[in-house]
Amino acid sequence: MDTPQRTVFIASALVLGAELCFAGVSALVKYLSTDLPSAQLVFFRNLMAFVVLLPWIWRKGPSAFKTKAWGFHITRGLAGLAAMYLFFYAIANLPLAQATLVLLLSPFLIPIIGRVWLKERVLAQTWLAIAIGFIGVFVFLNPAQTTLSPIVGIAFIAACLAAFTKTLIRQMSATESSSKIVFYFATLATVISALPLIWRGESIASEHWLGIMVMGALAVAGQLGMTKAFALAPAARVGVFTYSSVIFAALMGYWFWDEPITVSMILGATIITVAGYLAIRTRRKAETGGKVGS
């Protein structure tokens, strides 16, 4: 295996590992939500991420975080936090794979938001990928054979908010560094998510503290792994592996909660993965003037 192939292999393994971590976070949220309110889980999820960032923030120094884009940061913080609340609620009340799959619609919603909000041009191939992605979700959910919970709609709203925040980040990156964007979201999310605990906070059993710490550690590990993967290899080569999270979520749901894995789920997940691959390749072609390396 030559060096470029080895690099892509390592990056692919990192993406898979990151998605396994994220699926683990979702599974822990589902487990802990039986005894703890979502508000408490959201706070600890954000607090753990903020604590991990502290040494990095210390090295940067306060001058590195001066900004005039307060409106962007506050909007991104509120939208991202709302998406997290809704997604945690959906995880607690839906089969794990189902909640994860609906959130995976987020990448397909970004071009739609960009078109409506920013009047960006969307290629025909991208529209095709979006259509295939939604067909995959329809096949996975199989509404003709299964009664869908209204909470699927809540998960879809979370996906829309997640897509909006990613579109907003793209706008912010014109004037704001990635370090500022990460810092202000972590800070705002931690502070704002602490407020509901004034009246919604509950005592936490000693056996749940380990789950909370593991949840935070997995979230940070997943984010670091994903960041490193995309630094090693382009999204067009390894981005499709981000859709593996629904596979990991389905397996965890089956093992821990006896949630069934059906043929329609496997077929739908396959269709969505193909759609994601088409979307990634189309975006890469647009960025490179129509040429994509094999």
Protein backbone atom coordinates (compact mmCIF):
# COMPACT_ATOMS: atom_id res chain seq x y z
CA MET A 1 0.00 0.00 0.00
CA ASP A 2 1.59 3.29 -1.10
CA THR A 3 1.60 6.42 1.05
CA PRO A 4 -1.50 8.17 -0.47
CA GLN A 5 -3.54 4.97 -0.17
CA ARG A 6 -2.35 4.47 3.39
CA THR A 7 -3.34 8.05 4.24
CA VAL A 8 -6.84 7.54 2.82
CA PHE A 9 -7.11 4.24 4.70
CA ILE A 10 -6.13 5.92 7.98
CA ALA A 11 -8.54 8.80 7.35
CA SER A 12 -11.37 6.37 6.56
CA ALA A 13 -10.65 4.45 9.76
CA LEU A 14 -10.69 7.72 11.72
CA VAL A 15 -14.09 8.67 10.25
CA LEU A 16 -15.49 5.24 11.12
CA GLY A 17 -14.07 5.53 14.62
CA ALA A 18 -15.52 9.01 15.01
CA GLU A 19 -18.96 7.86 13.89
CA LEU A 20 -18.76 4.93 16.31
CA CYS A 21 -18.03 7.46 19.07
CA PHE A 22 -21.00 9.61 18.02
CA ALA A 23 -23.28 6.56 17.97
CA GLY A 24 -21.99 5.75 21.44
CA VAL A 25 -22.90 9.25 22.60
CA SER A 26 -26.44 8.75 21.26
CA ALA A 27 -26.72 5.37 22.98
CA LEU A 28 -25.59 6.87 26.30
CA VAL A 29 -28.05 9.74 25.90
CA LYS A 30 -30.84 7.20 25.36
CA TYR A 31 -29.74 5.19 28.40
CA LEU A 32 -29.29 8.17 30.72
CA SER A 33 -32.51 9.87 29.61
CA THR A 34 -34.56 7.25 31.44
CA ASP A 35 -33.50 8.88 34.73
CA LEU A 36 -32.20 12.32 33.75
CA PRO A 37 -33.94 15.14 31.84
CA SER A 38 -32.60 16.11 28.43
CA ALA A 39 -31.74 19.57 29.74
CA GLN A 40 -29.24 18.07 32.16
CA LEU A 41 -27.67 15.85 29.50
CA VAL A 42 -27.30 18.75 27.08
CA PHE A 43 -25.54 20.81 29.75
CA PHE A 44 -23.04 18.08 30.64
CA ARG A 45 -22.40 17.34 26.97
CA ASN A 46 -21.47 20.99 26.41
CA LEU A 47 -19.59 21.33 29.70
CA MET A 48 -17.33 18.39 28.88
CA ALA A 49 -16.52 19.86 25.45
CA PHE A 50 -15.77 23.24 27.05
CA VAL A 51 -13.47 21.71 29.68
CA VAL A 52 -11.49 19.92 26.98
CA LEU A 53 -11.12 23.24 25.15
CA LEU A 54 -9.75 25.12 28.18
CA PRO A 55 -6.03 24.32 27.67
CA TRP A 56 -6.32 25.30 24.01
CA ILE A 57 -8.12 28.54 24.99
CA TRP A 58 -5.38 29.29 27.52
CA ARG A 59 -2.67 28.93 24.88
CA LYS A 60 -4.52 31.18 22.44
CA GLY A 61 -4.97 34.00 24.94
CA PRO A 62 -7.94 36.41 25.19
CA SER A 63 -6.80 38.64 22.32
CA ALA A 64 -7.36 35.80 19.82
CA PHE A 65 -11.10 35.81 20.50
CA LYS A 66 -11.99 39.44 19.87
CA THR A 67 -14.95 39.66 17.54
CA LYS A 68 -17.48 42.07 16.09
CA ALA A 69 -19.73 39.30 14.74
CA TRP A 70 -21.76 38.89 17.93
CA GLY A 71 -25.00 38.50 16.01
CA PHE A 72 -23.63 35.56 14.04
CA HIS A 73 -22.18 33.87 17.11
CA ILE A 74 -25.34 34.25 19.19
CA THR A 75 -27.56 33.04 16.34
CA ARG A 76 -25.31 30.05 15.72
CA GLY A 77 -25.18 29.27 19.44
CA LEU A 78 -28.96 29.41 19.91
CA ALA A 79 -29.71 27.41 16.75
CA GLY A 80 -27.06 24.78 17.52
CA LEU A 81 -28.23 24.44 21.10
CA ALA A 82 -31.88 24.14 20.02
CA ALA A 83 -30.88 21.39 17.58
CA MET A 84 -29.09 19.56 20.40
CA TYR A 85 -32.10 19.77 22.74
CA LEU A 86 -34.44 18.47 20.05
CA PHE A 87 -32.10 15.70 18.95
CA PHE A 88 -31.54 14.49 22.53
CA TYR A 89 -35.30 14.44 23.03
CA ALA A 90 -35.74 12.47 19.79
CA ILE A 91 -33.06 9.96 20.83
CA ALA A 92 -34.82 9.40 24.15
CA ASN A 93 -38.16 8.68 22.47
CA LEU A 94 -37.36 7.06 19.10
CA PRO A 95 -35.49 3.92 18.07
CA LEU A 96 -31.82 4.87 18.03
CA ALA A 97 -31.27 4.18 14.32
CA GLN A 98 -34.39 6.11 13.34
CA ALA A 99 -33.37 9.27 15.21
CA THR A 100 -29.83 9.05 13.84
CA LEU A 101 -31.04 8.56 10.28
CA VAL A 102 -33.32 11.61 10.30
CA LEU A 103 -30.46 13.77 11.55
CA LEU A 104 -28.37 12.51 8.60
CA LEU A 105 -30.71 14.52 6.37
CA SER A 106 -28.80 17.61 7.48
CA PRO A 107 -26.19 17.52 4.65
CA PHE A 108 -28.98 17.26 2.07
CA LEU A 109 -30.76 20.28 3.56
CA ILE A 110 -27.74 22.60 3.41
CA PRO A 111 -28.00 23.23 -0.38
CA ILE A 112 -31.72 23.93 -0.01
CA ILE A 113 -31.08 26.48 2.74
CA GLY A 114 -28.24 27.99 0.71
CA ARG A 115 -30.56 28.33 -2.28
CA VAL A 116 -33.47 29.87 -0.34
CA TRP A 117 -31.47 32.07 2.03
CA LEU A 118 -28.30 32.96 0.12
CA LYS A 119 -29.60 32.51 -3.46
CA GLU A 120 -26.73 30.10 -4.16
CA ARG A 121 -26.75 28.08 -7.35
CA VAL A 122 -27.45 24.38 -6.83
CA LEU A 123 -26.24 21.95 -9.49
CA ALA A 124 -28.66 19.50 -11.08
CA GLN A 125 -26.56 16.61 -9.74
CA THR A 126 -26.97 18.00 -6.22
CA TRP A 127 -30.76 18.14 -6.60
CA LEU A 128 -30.63 14.52 -7.76
CA ALA A 129 -28.59 13.53 -4.69
CA ILE A 130 -31.06 15.35 -2.42
CA ALA A 131 -34.00 13.56 -4.02
CA ILE A 132 -32.28 10.17 -3.67
CA GLY A 133 -31.46 10.97 -0.03
CA PHE A 134 -35.09 11.71 0.82
CA ILE A 135 -36.18 8.55 -0.99
CA GLY A 136 -33.73 6.62 1.16
CA VAL A 137 -35.22 8.10 4.33
CA PHE A 138 -38.72 7.22 3.11
CA VAL A 139 -37.63 3.62 2.44
CA PHE A 140 -35.85 3.39 5.81
CA LEU A 141 -38.82 4.71 7.80
CA ASN A 142 -41.25 2.59 5.73
CA PRO A 143 -44.39 4.58 6.65
CA ALA A 144 -46.58 2.24 4.56
CA GLN A 145 -45.84 -0.63 6.97
CA THR A 146 -44.97 1.23 10.17
CA THR A 147 -46.81 3.88 12.17
CA LEU A 148 -44.40 6.78 12.55
CA SER A 149 -44.16 8.69 15.80
CA PRO A 150 -44.75 12.47 15.60
CA ILE A 151 -41.34 12.77 17.27
CA VAL A 152 -39.80 11.99 13.87
CA GLY A 153 -40.92 15.53 13.01
CA ILE A 154 -38.95 16.85 15.99
CA ALA A 155 -35.86 15.00 14.76
CA PHE A 156 -36.40 16.55 11.31
CA ILE A 157 -36.55 20.04 12.84
CA ALA A 158 -33.27 19.25 14.62
CA ALA A 159 -31.78 18.28 11.23
CA CYS A 160 -33.01 21.56 9.72
CA LEU A 161 -31.46 23.56 12.56
CA ALA A 162 -28.20 21.64 12.22
CA ALA A 163 -28.14 22.39 8.49
CA PHE A 164 -28.84 26.06 9.22
CA THR A 165 -25.93 26.29 11.67
CA LYS A 166 -23.56 24.71 9.13
CA THR A 167 -24.71 27.20 6.50
CA LEU A 168 -24.21 29.99 9.01
CA ILE A 169 -20.71 28.77 9.83
CA ARG A 170 -19.84 28.97 6.14
CA GLN A 171 -20.94 32.62 6.16
CA MET A 172 -19.08 33.35 9.38
CA SER A 173 -15.83 31.84 8.09
CA ALA A 174 -15.40 34.81 5.77
CA THR A 175 -14.48 36.99 8.77
CA GLU A 176 -14.19 34.62 11.74
CA SER A 177 -11.52 31.98 12.34
CA SER A 178 -12.53 28.42 13.13
CA SER A 179 -11.07 28.85 16.63
CA LYS A 180 -13.40 31.78 17.33
CA ILE A 181 -16.41 29.88 16.01
CA VAL A 182 -15.63 26.83 18.18
CA PHE A 183 -14.85 28.94 21.25
CA TYR A 184 -18.00 31.05 21.17
CA PHE A 185 -20.29 28.10 20.52
CA ALA A 186 -18.77 26.06 23.36
CA THR A 187 -19.00 29.02 25.74
CA LEU A 188 -22.51 30.10 24.81
CA ALA A 189 -23.85 26.54 24.73
CA THR A 190 -22.42 25.78 28.17
CA VAL A 191 -23.69 28.98 29.78
CA ILE A 192 -27.15 28.93 28.19
CA SER A 193 -27.72 25.20 28.81
CA ALA A 194 -26.85 25.77 32.49
CA LEU A 195 -29.78 28.17 32.97
CA PRO A 196 -32.62 25.59 32.85
CA LEU A 197 -30.88 23.58 35.56
CA ILE A 198 -31.79 26.32 38.03
CA TRP A 199 -35.32 24.92 38.04
CA ARG A 200 -34.89 21.59 36.20
CA GLY A 201 -31.75 20.27 37.84
CA GLU A 202 -32.04 16.89 39.56
CA SER A 203 -29.69 14.91 41.74
CA ILE A 204 -27.58 12.46 39.78
CA ALA A 205 -27.09 8.91 40.99
CA SER A 206 -23.47 7.87 41.41
CA GLU A 207 -23.78 5.15 38.75
CA HIS A 208 -24.79 7.76 36.15
CA TRP A 209 -21.72 9.93 36.60
CA LEU A 210 -19.56 7.42 34.77
CA GLY A 211 -22.01 7.41 31.85
CA ILE A 212 -21.95 11.21 31.74
CA MET A 213 -18.15 11.32 31.68
CA VAL A 214 -17.93 8.63 29.01
CA MET A 215 -20.55 10.50 26.95
CA GLY A 216 -18.45 13.66 27.05
CA ALA A 217 -15.22 11.80 26.33
CA LEU A 218 -16.73 10.01 23.32
CA ALA A 219 -18.12 13.29 21.94
CA VAL A 220 -14.72 14.96 22.16
CA ALA A 221 -12.90 11.90 20.77
CA GLY A 222 -15.32 11.74 17.85
CA GLN A 223 -14.85 15.41 17.04
CA LEU A 224 -11.06 15.16 17.21
CA GLY A 225 -11.07 12.02 15.06
CA MET A 226 -13.30 13.61 12.44
CA THR A 227 -11.17 16.77 12.34
CA LYS A 228 -7.99 14.75 11.89
CA ALA A 229 -9.57 12.57 9.18
CA PHE A 230 -10.57 15.51 7.01
CA ALA A 231 -7.14 17.06 7.52
CA LEU A 232 -5.57 13.88 6.11
CA ALA A 233 -7.88 13.24 3.15
CA PRO A 234 -10.50 15.18 1.15
CA ALA A 235 -14.18 14.71 1.89
CA ALA A 236 -14.69 13.27 -1.59
CA ARG A 237 -12.56 10.28 -0.59
CA VAL A 238 -13.71 9.57 2.97
CA GLY A 239 -16.84 11.64 3.59
CA VAL A 240 -19.20 8.83 2.65
CA PHE A 241 -18.15 6.96 5.80
CA THR A 242 -19.96 9.57 7.91
CA TYR A 243 -23.16 7.69 7.04
CA SER A 244 -21.89 4.67 8.95
CA SER A 245 -23.31 6.20 12.13
CA VAL A 246 -26.78 4.86 11.29
CA ILE A 247 -25.32 1.33 11.02
CA PHE A 248 -23.62 1.64 14.40
CA ALA A 249 -26.80 3.12 15.90
CA ALA A 250 -28.92 0.28 14.51
CA LEU A 251 -26.55 -2.34 15.96
CA MET A 252 -26.50 -0.63 19.36
CA GLY A 253 -30.29 -0.30 19.34
CA TYR A 254 -30.58 -4.00 18.56
CA TRP A 255 -28.07 -5.11 21.19
CA PHE A 256 -29.20 -2.90 24.07
CA TRP A 257 -32.91 -2.25 23.43
CA ASP A 258 -33.96 -5.10 21.11
CA GLU A 259 -34.86 -2.60 18.38
CA PRO A 260 -35.46 -4.57 15.15
CA ILE A 261 -33.25 -4.29 12.07
CA THR A 262 -35.43 -4.69 8.98
CA VAL A 263 -34.79 -5.11 5.26
CA SER A 264 -36.27 -1.64 4.61
CA MET A 265 -33.79 -0.13 7.08
CA ILE A 266 -30.83 -1.78 5.35
CA LEU A 267 -32.08 -0.76 1.90
CA GLY A 268 -32.86 2.79 3.00
CA ALA A 269 -29.46 3.23 4.65
CA THR A 270 -27.79 1.99 1.46
CA ILE A 271 -29.73 4.46 -0.69
CA ILE A 272 -28.85 7.34 1.64
CA THR A 273 -25.17 6.38 1.58
CA VAL A 274 -25.22 6.38 -2.23
CA ALA A 275 -26.94 9.78 -2.20
CA GLY A 276 -24.35 11.12 0.24
CA TYR A 277 -21.53 9.87 -1.96
CA LEU A 278 -23.08 11.58 -5.02
CA ALA A 279 -23.50 14.83 -3.09
CA ILE A 280 -19.90 14.77 -1.86
CA ARG A 281 -18.51 14.00 -5.32
CA THR A 282 -20.65 16.71 -6.91
CA ARG A 283 -19.48 19.30 -4.39
CA ARG A 284 -15.87 18.26 -4.91
CA LYS A 285 -16.24 18.55 -8.69
CA ALA A 286 -17.72 22.04 -8.33
CA GLU A 287 -14.82 23.10 -6.10
CA THR A 288 -12.16 21.73 -8.45
CA GLY A 289 -13.67 22.90 -11.72
CA GLY A 290 -15.09 19.53 -12.70
CA LYS A 291 -12.03 17.36 -12.07
CA VAL A 292 -11.92 14.84 -9.28
CA GLY A 293 -9.07 12.47 -8.70
CA SER A 294 -9.91 8.80 -8.52
